[in-house]
Amino acid sequence: MNNPGLLRYRCHTGHSFTASALVTGRNEKIEETLWVSLRMFEEHKNPLNNMAQKASGPKSKITYAQHAKATQVHIERIRAMILAPGSNP
């Protein structure tokens, strides 16, 4: 939208946003998505660790442990993004 002195945006359904509100709203949605992703990965890792401990065969133990380790990598990456300087956890 063109308005002298004020930069505004309008979505396809007609909602109007200032540039600041648009960025803030998007950042909040991204952060929320990261927190949900983190929780989902953590919930996925816990049963993998449990399966690795209780698996009967050594191959199964290793496979579950490898999946849990790979999941932990994702957890650490997401946590680092959320807690990076300048983010709002």
Protein backbone atom coordinates (compact mmCIF):
# COMPACT_ATOMS: atom_id res chain seq x y z
CA MET A 1 0.00 0.00 0.00
CA ASN A 2 1.23 3.47 -0.73
CA ASN A 3 0.82 5.98 2.06
CA PRO A 4 3.25 8.89 2.38
CA GLY A 5 5.42 8.44 5.46
CA LEU A 6 4.06 5.00 6.39
CA LEU A 7 4.94 1.72 4.73
CA ARG A 8 1.98 -0.67 4.90
CA TYR A 9 1.19 -4.05 3.40
CA ARG A 10 -2.13 -5.68 2.64
CA CYS A 11 -2.69 -9.42 2.32
CA HIS A 12 -4.93 -11.02 -0.29
CA THR A 13 -7.88 -11.10 2.15
CA GLY A 14 -7.57 -7.39 2.94
CA HIS A 15 -5.74 -7.32 6.27
CA SER A 16 -3.43 -4.34 6.55
CA PHE A 17 -0.06 -4.39 8.34
CA THR A 18 2.70 -1.93 9.02
CA ALA A 19 6.16 -3.18 8.04
CA SER A 20 7.07 -3.57 11.72
CA ALA A 21 3.90 -5.52 12.57
CA LEU A 22 4.39 -7.77 9.55
CA VAL A 23 7.97 -8.63 10.51
CA THR A 24 7.10 -9.09 14.19
CA GLY A 25 4.16 -11.36 13.39
CA ARG A 26 6.19 -13.49 11.01
CA ASN A 27 9.06 -13.79 13.51
CA GLU A 28 6.63 -14.95 16.20
CA LYS A 29 5.21 -17.62 13.89
CA ILE A 30 8.69 -18.81 12.94
CA GLU A 31 9.73 -19.01 16.60
CA GLU A 32 6.56 -20.90 17.49
CA THR A 33 7.24 -23.37 14.68
CA LEU A 34 10.81 -23.88 15.89
CA TRP A 35 9.63 -24.60 19.45
CA VAL A 36 7.05 -27.10 18.16
CA SER A 37 9.71 -28.75 15.98
CA LEU A 38 12.11 -28.96 18.91
CA ARG A 39 9.47 -30.61 21.09
CA MET A 40 8.55 -33.07 18.33
CA PHE A 41 12.18 -34.07 17.77
CA GLU A 42 12.69 -34.54 21.51
CA GLU A 43 9.54 -36.67 21.71
CA HIS A 44 10.83 -38.71 18.77
CA LYS A 45 14.27 -39.21 20.30
CA ASN A 46 13.04 -40.58 23.64
CA PRO A 47 11.43 -43.75 22.26
CA LEU A 48 14.41 -44.30 19.96
CA ASN A 49 16.73 -44.30 22.97
CA ASN A 50 14.35 -46.63 24.78
CA MET A 51 14.22 -48.99 21.79
CA ALA A 52 18.02 -48.92 21.51
CA GLN A 53 18.31 -49.99 25.15
CA LYS A 54 15.68 -52.73 24.92
CA ALA A 55 16.40 -54.11 21.45
CA SER A 56 17.25 -57.78 21.42
CA GLY A 57 19.74 -57.82 18.56
CA PRO A 58 22.94 -55.79 18.29
CA LYS A 59 22.03 -54.57 14.80
CA SER A 60 18.71 -53.20 16.07
CA LYS A 61 20.43 -51.50 19.01
CA ILE A 62 22.88 -49.78 16.67
CA THR A 63 20.17 -48.73 14.22
CA TYR A 64 17.96 -47.20 16.91
CA ALA A 65 20.98 -45.53 18.53
CA GLN A 66 22.04 -44.05 15.19
CA HIS A 67 18.55 -42.65 14.60
CA ALA A 68 18.54 -41.18 18.11
CA LYS A 69 21.94 -39.60 17.50
CA ALA A 70 20.81 -38.09 14.19
CA THR A 71 17.70 -36.74 15.90
CA GLN A 72 19.87 -35.18 18.60
CA VAL A 73 21.77 -33.29 15.89
CA HIS A 74 18.50 -31.73 14.71
CA ILE A 75 17.54 -30.90 18.30
CA GLU A 76 20.82 -29.09 18.87
CA ARG A 77 20.53 -27.13 15.61
CA ILE A 78 16.99 -25.99 16.34
CA ARG A 79 17.84 -25.10 19.95
CA ALA A 80 20.82 -23.06 18.72
CA MET A 81 18.58 -21.12 16.32
CA ILE A 82 16.03 -20.40 19.04
CA LEU A 83 18.59 -19.37 21.64
CA ALA A 84 20.92 -17.45 19.29
CA PRO A 85 21.82 -13.91 20.35
CA GLY A 86 19.18 -11.53 19.12
CA SER A 87 16.38 -14.10 19.20
CA ASN A 88 13.47 -13.81 21.61
CA PRO A 89 13.05 -17.21 23.32
